[in-house]
């Protein structure tokens, strides 16, 4: 891990760990939640969840005004516990999954970029996690 300040966001999802892990890591689910607002979508995702494996998620404005690929390479994967990756550009991220009363706490610790304020980045990543929670909790087990 780099010696920079990390930003932390988290959410408790009321669902079993298997459901939470699968929804967070399987491309067919990622495309249904990996965006911060209703004006955006994730039309494409692939995920090779193993050390050295790569992932890519395309995030796009529904009106066609903007799109980008969010991608990286995994450095650690512990099934149903955590994974770590380095984003394109070298920024570090760790995602942990912890069983808690009421479900699973998903926490993302990420190294901020330098173009946007930490609060803007925190709120954006938190909004995506909230969208993830809403997606998982709307699924029937």
Protein backbone atom coordinates (compact mmCIF):
# COMPACT_ATOMS: atom_id res chain seq x y z
CA UNK A 1 0.00 0.00 0.00
CA UNK A 2 1.16 3.50 -0.72
CA UNK A 3 1.88 5.89 2.14
CA UNK A 4 -0.83 8.34 1.21
CA UNK A 5 -4.00 9.28 3.01
CA UNK A 6 -6.85 6.95 2.09
CA UNK A 7 -10.51 7.89 1.83
CA UNK A 8 -12.93 5.40 3.40
CA UNK A 9 -16.56 4.74 2.49
CA UNK A 10 -18.78 1.93 3.74
CA UNK A 11 -22.30 0.56 3.77
CA UNK A 12 -24.12 -2.31 5.52
CA UNK A 13 -26.03 -4.50 3.08
CA UNK A 14 -28.89 -6.58 4.46
CA UNK A 15 -28.08 -9.78 2.58
CA UNK A 16 -25.97 -12.94 3.07
CA UNK A 17 -22.23 -12.75 2.32
CA UNK A 18 -22.54 -14.99 -0.77
CA UNK A 19 -25.06 -12.60 -2.34
CA UNK A 20 -23.05 -9.50 -1.45
CA UNK A 21 -19.77 -10.93 -2.76
CA UNK A 22 -21.36 -12.15 -6.02
CA UNK A 23 -23.15 -8.85 -6.63
CA UNK A 24 -19.93 -6.91 -6.08
CA UNK A 25 -17.71 -9.13 -8.24
CA UNK A 26 -19.77 -10.66 -11.08
CA UNK A 27 -19.99 -8.57 -14.27
CA UNK A 28 -23.68 -9.33 -14.83
CA UNK A 29 -24.40 -7.63 -11.50
CA UNK A 30 -21.75 -4.87 -11.68
CA UNK A 31 -23.48 -3.38 -14.73
CA UNK A 32 -26.65 -2.93 -12.66
CA UNK A 33 -25.16 -0.81 -9.83
CA UNK A 34 -21.70 0.63 -10.65
CA UNK A 35 -22.69 4.27 -11.10
CA UNK A 36 -23.31 7.17 -8.75
CA UNK A 37 -26.61 8.58 -10.04
CA UNK A 38 -29.62 7.77 -12.20
CA UNK A 39 -28.13 9.82 -15.04
CA UNK A 40 -25.31 7.30 -15.39
CA UNK A 41 -25.02 3.62 -16.27
CA UNK A 42 -22.41 0.88 -16.48
CA UNK A 43 -23.02 -0.67 -19.90
CA UNK A 44 -20.01 -3.01 -19.78
CA UNK A 45 -18.02 -4.89 -17.14
CA UNK A 46 -15.53 -7.74 -17.05
CA UNK A 47 -13.76 -9.11 -13.99
CA UNK A 48 -10.93 -11.65 -13.65
CA UNK A 49 -10.98 -11.87 -9.84
CA UNK A 50 -7.57 -13.37 -9.04
CA UNK A 51 -4.14 -12.03 -8.12
CA UNK A 52 -2.80 -10.52 -11.34
CA UNK A 53 -6.30 -10.52 -12.87
CA UNK A 54 -7.74 -7.41 -14.45
CA UNK A 55 -11.14 -5.76 -14.30
CA UNK A 56 -12.82 -3.07 -16.35
CA UNK A 57 -16.15 -1.31 -15.90
CA UNK A 58 -17.35 1.26 -18.41
CA UNK A 59 -19.22 4.10 -16.75
CA UNK A 60 -21.25 6.32 -19.07
CA UNK A 61 -23.65 9.23 -18.89
CA UNK A 62 -27.01 8.07 -20.23
CA UNK A 63 -27.23 11.21 -22.39
CA UNK A 64 -23.96 10.26 -24.14
CA UNK A 65 -22.06 13.33 -22.93
CA UNK A 66 -19.32 11.41 -21.13
CA UNK A 67 -17.92 7.94 -20.52
CA UNK A 68 -14.80 6.37 -19.07
CA UNK A 69 -13.36 3.00 -18.16
CA UNK A 70 -12.70 2.24 -14.49
CA UNK A 71 -10.05 -0.48 -14.41
CA UNK A 72 -7.24 -2.06 -12.47
CA UNK A 73 -5.23 -5.14 -11.55
CA UNK A 74 -5.75 -7.26 -8.43
CA UNK A 75 -2.87 -7.69 -5.97
CA UNK A 76 -4.78 -9.66 -3.30
CA UNK A 77 -8.01 -11.68 -3.29
CA UNK A 78 -9.47 -13.41 -0.21
CA UNK A 79 -12.84 -14.98 -1.04
CA UNK A 80 -15.71 -13.40 0.96
CA UNK A 81 -13.21 -11.26 2.95
CA UNK A 82 -11.35 -8.70 0.86
CA UNK A 83 -9.53 -7.79 -2.29
CA UNK A 84 -6.99 -5.15 -3.20
CA UNK A 85 -6.18 -3.63 -6.54
CA UNK A 86 -4.25 -0.87 -8.22
CA UNK A 87 -6.22 1.32 -10.59
CA UNK A 88 -4.84 2.43 -13.91
CA UNK A 89 -2.66 5.37 -12.93
CA UNK A 90 -1.32 3.63 -9.81
CA UNK A 91 -3.93 4.43 -7.15
CA UNK A 92 -4.49 1.76 -4.46
CA UNK A 93 -7.88 0.40 -3.35
CA UNK A 94 -8.87 -2.18 -0.70
CA UNK A 95 -12.41 -3.54 -0.42
CA UNK A 96 -13.39 -5.53 2.69
CA UNK A 97 -16.50 -7.58 3.45
CA UNK A 98 -17.33 -8.07 7.14
CA UNK A 99 -20.29 -10.01 8.53
CA UNK A 100 -22.11 -7.76 11.00
CA UNK A 101 -25.50 -7.66 12.69
CA UNK A 102 -27.95 -6.88 9.91
CA UNK A 103 -25.85 -8.17 7.01
CA UNK A 104 -22.45 -7.45 5.51
CA UNK A 105 -20.43 -4.28 5.93
CA UNK A 106 -18.65 -3.39 2.70
CA UNK A 107 -15.80 -0.93 3.15
CA UNK A 108 -13.72 0.68 0.43
CA UNK A 109 -10.45 2.40 1.28
CA UNK A 110 -9.07 4.24 -1.73
CA UNK A 111 -6.20 6.50 -2.59
CA UNK A 112 -7.63 9.81 -3.84
CA UNK A 113 -6.75 11.42 -7.12
CA UNK A 114 -5.51 15.00 -7.22
CA UNK A 115 -8.01 16.67 -9.59
CA UNK A 116 -11.12 16.64 -7.37
CA UNK A 117 -11.62 17.44 -3.70
CA UNK A 118 -11.53 14.58 -1.21
CA UNK A 119 -15.15 15.33 -0.27
CA UNK A 120 -16.29 15.11 -3.90
CA UNK A 121 -14.47 11.79 -4.29
CA UNK A 122 -15.83 10.45 -1.00
CA UNK A 123 -19.39 11.42 -1.92
CA UNK A 124 -19.11 9.86 -5.38
CA UNK A 125 -17.73 6.55 -4.11
CA UNK A 126 -20.30 6.55 -1.28
CA UNK A 127 -23.13 7.11 -3.79
CA UNK A 128 -21.96 4.10 -5.80
CA UNK A 129 -21.91 1.98 -2.62
CA UNK A 130 -25.42 3.16 -1.74
CA UNK A 131 -26.53 2.18 -5.25
CA UNK A 132 -24.88 -1.23 -4.68
CA UNK A 133 -26.81 -1.66 -1.39
CA UNK A 134 -30.09 -0.73 -3.10
CA UNK A 135 -29.42 -3.22 -5.92
CA UNK A 136 -28.51 -6.14 -3.63
CA UNK A 137 -31.39 -5.55 -1.22
CA UNK A 138 -33.87 -5.42 -4.13
CA UNK A 139 -32.83 -8.91 -5.30
CA UNK A 140 -34.73 -11.98 -4.14
CA UNK A 141 -32.47 -14.55 -2.46
